[in-house]
Amino acid sequence: MKKMYKHKNRLVSKAGNLTLVELMVALIVSLILFSAMMKIFNSLYKNLGTAKTSSNIYQNARIALDVIGRDLQCAYYGNSSAPFWHHSSVSEWGEYNNELLAFVSNSPFPSNYYSSDLFEVKYQLFYPTSTTQDSAGWILRSVTGNISAPNLNNPKWNFNNNFNVGYTTNSVNPAAAFTADSSSSSNFHKLVPYVTSLSFKCYNENGTEIEADTSISTAEDNAEVTGFPYSLEMNISLLDKTSWDKWIKAGGTPDNLENDPAYYVRKKYERSFKQTVLIGNRGQ
């Protein structure tokens, strides 16, 4: 057991010759160092979470741009023309309100199930009438092929028969190669979540932008396809899941104005990406 004794008006320990004041100073220094280490640890933990969040956003953006870009680079052009439809947003189309891109592409699907390697491909960001809808924030992809099984030829795979496009068509014998809804195609499937905007710009070989179709029509109105592009610019904006939830709770909608609280949530956490795809001259 340590014995304490007085030496020159100081209380000293035989074991270490330390005064109580020195022990208190050492304890205070240790607490300060511990507090500093905790702050560094918390900062590193926070930065790790931020890096993980950013990584998820970049990964989703990369997947979307890579998949769309691959389909575009395999876009089909034949018989001096091919159906290519870039439609701008139309509020009257409800959940199909957002910009839409539709074309024919050589996609890697099981060849023993389809009679052709060519598929009608469509991309669109789901437009929610309510942001709590299951597909809200998802880029949707539709791929329609010609089923090779006996008596199962797909009447929706019909780009060789017509170049009509529009909002909807007869789903039994479609009168359109492409429509905004699924009456001319297979059902949409989810590709990437937490997307706030998706847009496209098409250009001809001279670099002039090809205007998007703005008609409010059905297929039976014989709306025309847009020109087959030489290059195409894709723009996508995304949130991470946590920021998406914050945006929704703040009343987030695709049309928030600058004075809405949700607008500032989106502005703070949203990340935007751009990629240009060169399709090249294929006879267009």
C-alpha atoms as a PDB file:
ATOM      1  CA  MET A   1       0.000   0.000   0.000  1.00  0.00           C
ATOM      2  CA  LYS A   2       1.257   3.436  -0.937  1.00  0.00           C
ATOM      3  CA  LYS A   3       2.180   5.707   1.941  1.00  0.00           C
ATOM      4  CA  MET A   4       1.794   9.439   1.716  1.00  0.00           C
ATOM      5  CA  TYR A   5       4.013  11.920   3.570  1.00  0.00           C
ATOM      6  CA  LYS A   6       4.666  15.632   3.567  1.00  0.00           C
ATOM      7  CA  HIS A   7       7.828  16.966   2.040  1.00  0.00           C
ATOM      8  CA  LYS A   8       8.492  20.692   1.813  1.00  0.00           C
ATOM      9  CA  ASN A   9       4.768  21.465   2.123  1.00  0.00           C
ATOM     10  CA  ARG A  10       3.905  19.020  -0.679  1.00  0.00           C
ATOM     11  CA  LEU A  11       1.882  15.838  -0.462  1.00  0.00           C
ATOM     12  CA  VAL A  12       4.049  13.202  -2.172  1.00  0.00           C
ATOM     13  CA  SER A  13       3.553   9.538  -3.053  1.00  0.00           C
ATOM     14  CA  LYS A  14       6.428   7.168  -2.293  1.00  0.00           C
ATOM     15  CA  ALA A  15       5.528   5.075  -5.311  1.00  0.00           C
ATOM     16  CA  GLY A  16       5.915   7.720  -7.982  1.00  0.00           C
ATOM     17  CA  ASN A  17       6.861  10.940  -6.279  1.00  0.00           C
ATOM     18  CA  LEU A  18       3.796  12.665  -7.895  1.00  0.00           C
ATOM     19  CA  THR A  19       1.813  15.414  -6.263  1.00  0.00           C
ATOM     20  CA  LEU A  20      -1.992  15.397  -6.321  1.00  0.00           C
ATOM     21  CA  VAL A  21      -1.868  18.492  -8.498  1.00  0.00           C
ATOM     22  CA  GLU A  22       0.267  16.649 -11.041  1.00  0.00           C
ATOM     23  CA  LEU A  23      -2.159  13.730 -10.992  1.00  0.00           C
ATOM     24  CA  MET A  24      -5.073  16.075 -11.605  1.00  0.00           C
ATOM     25  CA  VAL A  25      -3.226  17.762 -14.484  1.00  0.00           C
ATOM     26  CA  ALA A  26      -2.462  14.373 -16.029  1.00  0.00           C
ATOM     27  CA  LEU A  27      -6.107  13.369 -15.681  1.00  0.00           C
ATOM     28  CA  ILE A  28      -7.289  16.600 -17.329  1.00  0.00           C
ATOM     29  CA  VAL A  29      -4.813  16.172 -20.210  1.00  0.00           C
ATOM     30  CA  SER A  30      -5.986  12.583 -20.676  1.00  0.00           C
ATOM     31  CA  LEU A  31      -9.622  13.746 -20.820  1.00  0.00           C
ATOM     32  CA  ILE A  32      -8.722  16.416 -23.379  1.00  0.00           C
ATOM     33  CA  LEU A  33      -6.884  13.878 -25.533  1.00  0.00           C
ATOM     34  CA  PHE A  34      -9.761  11.417 -25.232  1.00  0.00           C
ATOM     35  CA  SER A  35     -12.257  14.102 -26.217  1.00  0.00           C
ATOM     36  CA  ALA A  36     -10.135  15.057 -29.236  1.00  0.00           C
ATOM     37  CA  MET A  37      -9.866  11.423 -30.297  1.00  0.00           C
ATOM     38  CA  MET A  38     -13.645  11.001 -30.026  1.00  0.00           C
ATOM     39  CA  LYS A  39     -14.184  14.070 -32.219  1.00  0.00           C
ATOM     40  CA  ILE A  40     -11.760  12.694 -34.802  1.00  0.00           C
ATOM     41  CA  PHE A  41     -13.479   9.299 -34.670  1.00  0.00           C
ATOM     42  CA  ASN A  42     -16.936  10.863 -35.100  1.00  0.00           C
ATOM     43  CA  SER A  43     -15.663  12.967 -37.989  1.00  0.00           C
ATOM     44  CA  LEU A  44     -14.167   9.903 -39.692  1.00  0.00           C
ATOM     45  CA  TYR A  45     -17.395   7.959 -39.128  1.00  0.00           C
ATOM     46  CA  LYS A  46     -19.439  10.802 -40.598  1.00  0.00           C
ATOM     47  CA  ASN A  47     -17.105  11.102 -43.587  1.00  0.00           C
ATOM     48  CA  LEU A  48     -17.322   7.349 -44.111  1.00  0.00           C
ATOM     49  CA  GLY A  49     -21.114   7.566 -44.184  1.00  0.00           C
ATOM     50  CA  THR A  50     -20.945  10.482 -46.636  1.00  0.00           C
ATOM     51  CA  ALA A  51     -18.529   8.573 -48.852  1.00  0.00           C
ATOM     52  CA  LYS A  52     -20.806   5.527 -48.808  1.00  0.00           C
ATOM     53  CA  THR A  53     -23.793   7.691 -49.707  1.00  0.00           C
ATOM     54  CA  SER A  54     -21.895   9.312 -52.581  1.00  0.00           C
ATOM     55  CA  SER A  55     -20.735   5.892 -53.719  1.00  0.00           C
ATOM     56  CA  ASN A  56     -24.343   4.652 -53.916  1.00  0.00           C
ATOM     57  CA  ILE A  57     -25.388   7.698 -55.959  1.00  0.00           C
ATOM     58  CA  TYR A  58     -22.452   7.303 -58.354  1.00  0.00           C
ATOM     59  CA  GLN A  59     -23.110   3.572 -58.683  1.00  0.00           C
ATOM     60  CA  ASN A  60     -26.789   4.103 -59.550  1.00  0.00           C
ATOM     61  CA  ALA A  61     -25.872   6.822 -62.054  1.00  0.00           C
ATOM     62  CA  ARG A  62     -23.223   4.617 -63.644  1.00  0.00           C
ATOM     63  CA  ILE A  63     -25.618   1.686 -63.986  1.00  0.00           C
ATOM     64  CA  ALA A  64     -28.307   3.831 -65.605  1.00  0.00           C
ATOM     65  CA  LEU A  65     -25.961   5.607 -68.013  1.00  0.00           C
ATOM     66  CA  ASP A  66     -24.113   2.399 -68.927  1.00  0.00           C
ATOM     67  CA  VAL A  67     -27.276   0.398 -69.658  1.00  0.00           C
ATOM     68  CA  ILE A  68     -28.963   3.172 -71.660  1.00  0.00           C
ATOM     69  CA  GLY A  69     -25.703   3.957 -73.443  1.00  0.00           C
ATOM     70  CA  ARG A  70     -25.138   0.329 -74.396  1.00  0.00           C
ATOM     71  CA  ASP A  71     -28.621   0.044 -75.899  1.00  0.00           C
ATOM     72  CA  LEU A  72     -28.122   3.299 -77.816  1.00  0.00           C
ATOM     73  CA  GLN A  73     -24.780   2.206 -79.246  1.00  0.00           C
ATOM     74  CA  CYS A  74     -26.532  -0.945 -80.512  1.00  0.00           C
ATOM     75  CA  ALA A  75     -29.450   1.047 -81.951  1.00  0.00           C
ATOM     76  CA  TYR A  76     -30.741  -0.430 -85.227  1.00  0.00           C
ATOM     77  CA  TYR A  77     -31.029   1.504 -88.461  1.00  0.00           C
ATOM     78  CA  GLY A  78     -32.168  -0.318 -91.589  1.00  0.00           C
ATOM     79  CA  ASN A  79     -34.131  -0.002 -94.800  1.00  0.00           C
ATOM     80  CA  SER A  80     -33.083   3.658 -95.038  1.00  0.00           C
ATOM     81  CA  SER A  81     -34.949   4.450 -91.834  1.00  0.00           C
ATOM     82  CA  ALA A  82     -35.804   3.098 -88.423  1.00  0.00           C
ATOM     83  CA  PRO A  83     -38.222   4.056 -85.681  1.00  0.00           C
ATOM     84  CA  PHE A  84     -36.665   6.378 -83.133  1.00  0.00           C
ATOM     85  CA  TRP A  85     -38.930   8.328 -80.821  1.00  0.00           C
ATOM     86  CA  HIS A  86     -37.879  11.031 -78.390  1.00  0.00           C
ATOM     87  CA  HIS A  87     -40.917  12.554 -76.735  1.00  0.00           C
ATOM     88  CA  SER A  88     -40.953  15.483 -74.349  1.00  0.00           C
ATOM     89  CA  SER A  89     -43.140  15.611 -71.257  1.00  0.00           C
ATOM     90  CA  VAL A  90     -46.928  15.904 -71.589  1.00  0.00           C
ATOM     91  CA  SER A  91     -48.886  16.603 -68.419  1.00  0.00           C
ATOM     92  CA  GLU A  92     -52.035  14.969 -69.826  1.00  0.00           C
ATOM     93  CA  TRP A  93     -50.280  11.587 -69.900  1.00  0.00           C
ATOM     94  CA  GLY A  94     -50.296  11.083 -66.111  1.00  0.00           C
ATOM     95  CA  GLU A  95     -47.667   8.579 -64.980  1.00  0.00           C
ATOM     96  CA  TYR A  96     -46.160   8.679 -68.503  1.00  0.00           C
ATOM     97  CA  ASN A  97     -45.696  12.440 -68.300  1.00  0.00           C
ATOM     98  CA  ASN A  98     -41.889  12.469 -68.265  1.00  0.00           C
ATOM     99  CA  GLU A  99     -39.573  12.450 -71.258  1.00  0.00           C
ATOM    100  CA  LEU A 100     -39.513   9.162 -73.127  1.00  0.00           C
ATOM    101  CA  LEU A 101     -36.939   7.541 -75.407  1.00  0.00           C
ATOM    102  CA  ALA A 102     -37.868   4.592 -77.651  1.00  0.00           C
ATOM    103  CA  PHE A 103     -35.846   2.829 -80.348  1.00  0.00           C
ATOM    104  CA  VAL A 104     -34.869  -0.584 -81.727  1.00  0.00           C
ATOM    105  CA  SER A 105     -31.694  -2.150 -80.378  1.00  0.00           C
ATOM    106  CA  ASN A 106     -29.692  -5.353 -80.555  1.00  0.00           C
ATOM    107  CA  SER A 107     -29.931  -6.330 -76.894  1.00  0.00           C
ATOM    108  CA  PRO A 108     -28.331  -9.350 -75.178  1.00  0.00           C
ATOM    109  CA  PHE A 109     -31.355 -11.519 -74.414  1.00  0.00           C
ATOM    110  CA  PRO A 110     -31.623 -15.348 -74.591  1.00  0.00           C
ATOM    111  CA  SER A 111     -31.689 -16.173 -78.326  1.00  0.00           C
ATOM    112  CA  ASN A 112     -33.553 -19.449 -77.800  1.00  0.00           C
ATOM    113  CA  TYR A 113     -36.596 -17.555 -76.529  1.00  0.00           C
ATOM    114  CA  TYR A 114     -36.835 -14.911 -79.257  1.00  0.00           C
ATOM    115  CA  SER A 115     -36.771 -15.249 -83.039  1.00  0.00           C
ATOM    116  CA  SER A 116     -34.745 -12.058 -83.487  1.00  0.00           C
ATOM    117  CA  ASP A 117     -31.911 -10.259 -81.734  1.00  0.00           C
ATOM    118  CA  LEU A 118     -33.679  -6.948 -82.330  1.00  0.00           C
ATOM    119  CA  PHE A 119     -35.832  -5.530 -79.553  1.00  0.00           C
ATOM    120  CA  GLU A 120     -38.009  -2.487 -79.090  1.00  0.00           C
ATOM    121  CA  VAL A 121     -36.528  -0.629 -76.112  1.00  0.00           C
ATOM    122  CA  LYS A 122     -38.127   2.185 -74.116  1.00  0.00           C
ATOM    123  CA  TYR A 123     -36.837   4.308 -71.239  1.00  0.00           C
ATOM    124  CA  GLN A 124     -38.746   6.696 -69.032  1.00  0.00           C
ATOM    125  CA  LEU A 125     -38.641   8.115 -65.520  1.00  0.00           C
ATOM    126  CA  PHE A 126     -41.899   7.219 -63.780  1.00  0.00           C
ATOM    127  CA  TYR A 127     -44.004  10.301 -63.097  1.00  0.00           C
ATOM    128  CA  PRO A 128     -45.821   9.753 -59.778  1.00  0.00           C
ATOM    129  CA  THR A 129     -49.225  11.220 -59.144  1.00  0.00           C
ATOM    130  CA  SER A 130     -48.150  10.606 -55.536  1.00  0.00           C
ATOM    131  CA  THR A 131     -44.501  10.303 -54.462  1.00  0.00           C
ATOM    132  CA  THR A 132     -45.468   7.393 -52.212  1.00  0.00           C
ATOM    133  CA  GLN A 133     -46.236   5.244 -55.264  1.00  0.00           C
ATOM    134  CA  ASP A 134     -44.120   2.133 -55.579  1.00  0.00           C
ATOM    135  CA  SER A 135     -42.443   3.199 -58.842  1.00  0.00           C
ATOM    136  CA  ALA A 136     -41.779   6.799 -57.768  1.00  0.00           C
ATOM    137  CA  GLY A 137     -38.175   7.771 -58.443  1.00  0.00           C
ATOM    138  CA  TRP A 138     -37.432   4.770 -60.671  1.00  0.00           C
ATOM    139  CA  ILE A 139     -36.096   4.800 -64.217  1.00  0.00           C
ATOM    140  CA  LEU A 140     -38.242   2.289 -66.089  1.00  0.00           C
ATOM    141  CA  ARG A 141     -37.039   0.105 -68.975  1.00  0.00           C
ATOM    142  CA  SER A 142     -39.168  -1.883 -71.378  1.00  0.00           C
ATOM    143  CA  VAL A 143     -37.759  -4.479 -73.802  1.00  0.00           C
ATOM    144  CA  THR A 144     -40.119  -6.066 -76.349  1.00  0.00           C
ATOM    145  CA  GLY A 145     -39.026  -9.000 -78.513  1.00  0.00           C
ATOM    146  CA  ASN A 146     -40.617 -11.491 -80.877  1.00  0.00           C
ATOM    147  CA  ILE A 147     -41.373 -14.656 -78.913  1.00  0.00           C
ATOM    148  CA  SER A 148     -40.261 -17.726 -80.860  1.00  0.00           C
ATOM    149  CA  ALA A 149     -42.522 -20.285 -79.180  1.00  0.00           C
ATOM    150  CA  PRO A 150     -45.259 -21.765 -81.461  1.00  0.00           C
ATOM    151  CA  ASN A 151     -48.413 -19.650 -81.715  1.00  0.00           C
ATOM    152  CA  LEU A 152     -46.920 -17.004 -79.439  1.00  0.00           C
ATOM    153  CA  ASN A 153     -45.660 -14.435 -81.932  1.00  0.00           C
ATOM    154  CA  ASN A 154     -45.791 -11.113 -80.159  1.00  0.00           C
ATOM    155  CA  PRO A 155     -48.061  -8.629 -81.993  1.00  0.00           C
ATOM    156  CA  LYS A 156     -46.420  -5.811 -80.013  1.00  0.00           C
ATOM    157  CA  TRP A 157     -43.094  -6.477 -81.755  1.00  0.00           C
ATOM    158  CA  ASN A 158     -44.079  -4.617 -84.910  1.00  0.00           C
ATOM    159  CA  PHE A 159     -41.543  -1.924 -85.754  1.00  0.00           C
ATOM    160  CA  ASN A 160     -41.157  -3.441 -89.243  1.00  0.00           C
ATOM    161  CA  ASN A 161     -44.823  -2.836 -89.984  1.00  0.00           C
ATOM    162  CA  ASN A 162     -45.219   0.832 -89.079  1.00  0.00           C
ATOM    163  CA  PHE A 163     -43.524   3.878 -87.663  1.00  0.00           C
ATOM    164  CA  ASN A 164     -46.530   5.212 -85.782  1.00  0.00           C
ATOM    165  CA  VAL A 165     -46.074   6.448 -82.240  1.00  0.00           C
ATOM    166  CA  GLY A 166     -48.269   8.042 -79.593  1.00  0.00           C
ATOM    167  CA  TYR A 167     -49.724   7.763 -76.141  1.00  0.00           C
ATOM    168  CA  THR A 168     -51.666   4.515 -76.579  1.00  0.00           C
ATOM    169  CA  THR A 169     -52.856   2.048 -79.202  1.00  0.00           C
ATOM    170  CA  ASN A 170     -54.875  -1.113 -79.677  1.00  0.00           C
ATOM    171  CA  SER A 171     -53.078  -3.653 -77.478  1.00  0.00           C
ATOM    172  CA  VAL A 172     -54.424  -6.687 -79.391  1.00  0.00           C
ATOM    173  CA  ASN A 173     -53.277  -5.529 -82.821  1.00  0.00           C
ATOM    174  CA  PRO A 174     -51.114  -2.482 -82.090  1.00  0.00           C
ATOM    175  CA  ALA A 175     -51.238   0.224 -84.711  1.00  0.00           C
ATOM    176  CA  ALA A 176     -48.072   1.809 -83.373  1.00  0.00           C
ATOM    177  CA  ALA A 177     -44.454   0.772 -83.052  1.00  0.00           C
ATOM    178  CA  PHE A 178     -44.098   2.795 -79.846  1.00  0.00           C
ATOM    179  CA  THR A 179     -46.457   4.252 -77.266  1.00  0.00           C
ATOM    180  CA  ALA A 180     -45.939   5.938 -73.917  1.00  0.00           C
ATOM    181  CA  ASP A 181     -47.998   3.302 -72.132  1.00  0.00           C
ATOM    182  CA  SER A 182     -47.528  -0.473 -72.426  1.00  0.00           C
ATOM    183  CA  SER A 183     -50.175  -1.093 -75.080  1.00  0.00           C
ATOM    184  CA  SER A 184     -47.445  -1.435 -77.731  1.00  0.00           C
ATOM    185  CA  SER A 185     -44.752  -3.033 -75.596  1.00  0.00           C
ATOM    186  CA  SER A 186     -43.878  -5.386 -72.788  1.00  0.00           C
ATOM    187  CA  ASN A 187     -44.360  -4.031 -69.275  1.00  0.00           C
ATOM    188  CA  PHE A 188     -41.811  -1.644 -67.831  1.00  0.00           C
ATOM    189  CA  HIS A 189     -39.238  -2.940 -65.343  1.00  0.00           C
ATOM    190  CA  LYS A 190     -37.365  -0.950 -62.708  1.00  0.00           C
ATOM    191  CA  LEU A 191     -33.772  -0.029 -63.455  1.00  0.00           C
ATOM    192  CA  VAL A 192     -32.457   2.567 -60.950  1.00  0.00           C
ATOM    193  CA  PRO A 193     -34.161   4.252 -57.924  1.00  0.00           C
ATOM    194  CA  TYR A 194     -34.126   7.719 -56.292  1.00  0.00           C
ATOM    195  CA  VAL A 195     -33.945   9.564 -59.622  1.00  0.00           C
ATOM    196  CA  THR A 196     -35.338  13.097 -59.658  1.00  0.00           C
ATOM    197  CA  SER A 197     -34.904  13.849 -63.366  1.00  0.00           C
ATOM    198  CA  LEU A 198     -33.955  12.129 -66.625  1.00  0.00           C
ATOM    199  CA  SER A 199     -33.651  13.969 -69.935  1.00  0.00           C
ATOM    200  CA  PHE A 200     -32.177  13.505 -73.398  1.00  0.00           C
ATOM    201  CA  LYS A 201     -30.860  15.714 -76.190  1.00  0.00           C
ATOM    202  CA  CYS A 202     -30.544  14.273 -79.691  1.00  0.00           C
ATOM    203  CA  TYR A 203     -28.191  15.716 -82.341  1.00  0.00           C
ATOM    204  CA  ASN A 204     -27.662  15.144 -86.042  1.00  0.00           C
ATOM    205  CA  GLU A 205     -24.247  14.799 -87.657  1.00  0.00           C
ATOM    206  CA  ASN A 206     -23.863  18.574 -87.967  1.00  0.00           C
ATOM    207  CA  GLY A 207     -24.396  19.030 -84.231  1.00  0.00           C
ATOM    208  CA  THR A 208     -27.853  20.527 -84.631  1.00  0.00           C
ATOM    209  CA  GLU A 209     -30.304  19.439 -81.975  1.00  0.00           C
ATOM    210  CA  ILE A 210     -33.194  17.291 -83.183  1.00  0.00           C
ATOM    211  CA  GLU A 211     -36.317  18.644 -81.576  1.00  0.00           C
ATOM    212  CA  ALA A 212     -38.280  16.223 -79.404  1.00  0.00           C
ATOM    213  CA  ASP A 213     -41.838  15.293 -80.325  1.00  0.00           C
ATOM    214  CA  THR A 214     -44.246  17.497 -78.390  1.00  0.00           C
ATOM    215  CA  SER A 215     -47.542  16.260 -79.799  1.00  0.00           C
ATOM    216  CA  ILE A 216     -50.408  15.339 -77.499  1.00  0.00           C
ATOM    217  CA  SER A 217     -51.767  12.448 -79.492  1.00  0.00           C
ATOM    218  CA  THR A 218     -52.666   8.793 -79.636  1.00  0.00           C
ATOM    219  CA  ALA A 219     -51.124   6.326 -82.053  1.00  0.00           C
ATOM    220  CA  GLU A 220     -54.212   6.532 -84.231  1.00  0.00           C
ATOM    221  CA  ASP A 221     -53.393  10.188 -84.855  1.00  0.00           C
ATOM    222  CA  ASN A 222     -50.314   8.965 -86.752  1.00  0.00           C
ATOM    223  CA  ALA A 223     -47.835  11.022 -84.770  1.00  0.00           C
ATOM    224  CA  GLU A 224     -44.434  10.874 -86.415  1.00  0.00           C
ATOM    225  CA  VAL A 225     -41.211   9.469 -85.062  1.00  0.00           C
ATOM    226  CA  THR A 226     -38.307  11.846 -84.536  1.00  0.00           C
ATOM    227  CA  GLY A 227     -35.101  11.805 -86.582  1.00  0.00           C
ATOM    228  CA  PHE A 228     -32.522   9.083 -85.978  1.00  0.00           C
ATOM    229  CA  PRO A 229     -29.675  10.827 -84.087  1.00  0.00           C
ATOM    230  CA  TYR A 230     -25.945  10.865 -84.740  1.00  0.00           C
ATOM    231  CA  SER A 231     -25.241  11.434 -81.048  1.00  0.00           C
ATOM    232  CA  LEU A 232     -27.294  11.718 -77.895  1.00  0.00           C
ATOM    233  CA  GLU A 233     -26.741  13.450 -74.564  1.00  0.00           C
ATOM    234  CA  MET A 234     -28.153  11.868 -71.400  1.00  0.00           C
ATOM    235  CA  ASN A 235     -28.733  13.877 -68.215  1.00  0.00           C
ATOM    236  CA  ILE A 236     -29.662  12.292 -64.898  1.00  0.00           C
ATOM    237  CA  SER A 237     -30.076  13.650 -61.358  1.00  0.00           C
ATOM    238  CA  LEU A 238     -30.318  11.442 -58.271  1.00  0.00           C
ATOM    239  CA  LEU A 239     -30.561  11.399 -54.489  1.00  0.00           C
ATOM    240  CA  ASP A 240     -29.435   8.777 -52.002  1.00  0.00           C
ATOM    241  CA  LYS A 241     -32.128   6.899 -50.062  1.00  0.00           C
ATOM    242  CA  THR A 242     -31.837   9.037 -46.907  1.00  0.00           C
ATOM    243  CA  SER A 243     -32.037  12.288 -48.876  1.00  0.00           C
ATOM    244  CA  TRP A 244     -34.908  10.902 -50.946  1.00  0.00           C
ATOM    245  CA  ASP A 245     -36.855  10.171 -47.752  1.00  0.00           C
ATOM    246  CA  LYS A 246     -36.123  13.699 -46.479  1.00  0.00           C
ATOM    247  CA  TRP A 247     -37.299  15.132 -49.789  1.00  0.00           C
ATOM    248  CA  ILE A 248     -40.549  13.148 -49.699  1.00  0.00           C
ATOM    249  CA  LYS A 249     -41.232  14.138 -46.070  1.00  0.00           C
ATOM    250  CA  ALA A 250     -40.675  17.773 -47.032  1.00  0.00           C
ATOM    251  CA  GLY A 251     -43.410  17.426 -49.658  1.00  0.00           C
ATOM    252  CA  GLY A 252     -41.156  16.666 -52.605  1.00  0.00           C
ATOM    253  CA  THR A 253     -42.773  16.400 -56.031  1.00  0.00           C
ATOM    254  CA  PRO A 254     -41.307  16.534 -59.553  1.00  0.00           C
ATOM    255  CA  ASP A 255     -42.593  20.109 -59.835  1.00  0.00           C
ATOM    256  CA  ASN A 256     -41.437  21.776 -56.591  1.00  0.00           C
ATOM    257  CA  LEU A 257     -40.981  25.528 -56.925  1.00  0.00           C
ATOM    258  CA  GLU A 258     -37.992  27.423 -55.549  1.00  0.00           C
ATOM    259  CA  ASN A 259     -39.904  28.647 -52.494  1.00  0.00           C
ATOM    260  CA  ASP A 260     -40.950  25.113 -51.459  1.00  0.00           C
ATOM    261  CA  PRO A 261     -38.988  23.534 -48.559  1.00  0.00           C
ATOM    262  CA  ALA A 262     -38.521  20.346 -50.587  1.00  0.00           C
ATOM    263  CA  TYR A 263     -36.762  22.333 -53.302  1.00  0.00           C
ATOM    264  CA  TYR A 264     -33.887  23.157 -50.959  1.00  0.00           C
ATOM    265  CA  VAL A 265     -33.565  19.558 -49.761  1.00  0.00           C
ATOM    266  CA  ARG A 266     -33.198  18.452 -53.361  1.00  0.00           C
ATOM    267  CA  LYS A 267     -30.805  21.284 -54.169  1.00  0.00           C
ATOM    268  CA  LYS A 268     -28.550  20.379 -51.224  1.00  0.00           C
ATOM    269  CA  TYR A 269     -28.321  16.619 -51.719  1.00  0.00           C
ATOM    270  CA  GLU A 270     -28.996  16.052 -55.422  1.00  0.00           C
ATOM    271  CA  ARG A 271     -26.159  15.000 -57.744  1.00  0.00           C
ATOM    272  CA  SER A 272     -26.327  15.361 -61.530  1.00  0.00           C
ATOM    273  CA  PHE A 273     -24.489  13.446 -64.253  1.00  0.00           C
ATOM    274  CA  LYS A 274     -24.141  13.820 -68.003  1.00  0.00           C
ATOM    275  CA  GLN A 275     -22.955  11.437 -70.688  1.00  0.00           C
ATOM    276  CA  THR A 276     -22.830  11.698 -74.462  1.00  0.00           C
ATOM    277  CA  VAL A 277     -23.269   8.590 -76.618  1.00  0.00           C
ATOM    278  CA  LEU A 278     -21.921   8.544 -80.165  1.00  0.00           C
ATOM    279  CA  ILE A 279     -24.224   6.478 -82.377  1.00  0.00           C
ATOM    280  CA  GLY A 280     -22.502   7.479 -85.605  1.00  0.00           C
ATOM    281  CA  ASN A 281     -23.596   7.631 -89.225  1.00  0.00           C
ATOM    282  CA  ARG A 282     -25.642   4.568 -90.086  1.00  0.00           C
ATOM    283  CA  GLY A 283     -27.290   5.905 -93.178  1.00  0.00           C
ATOM    284  CA  GLN A 284     -29.513   8.493 -91.580  1.00  0.00           C
END
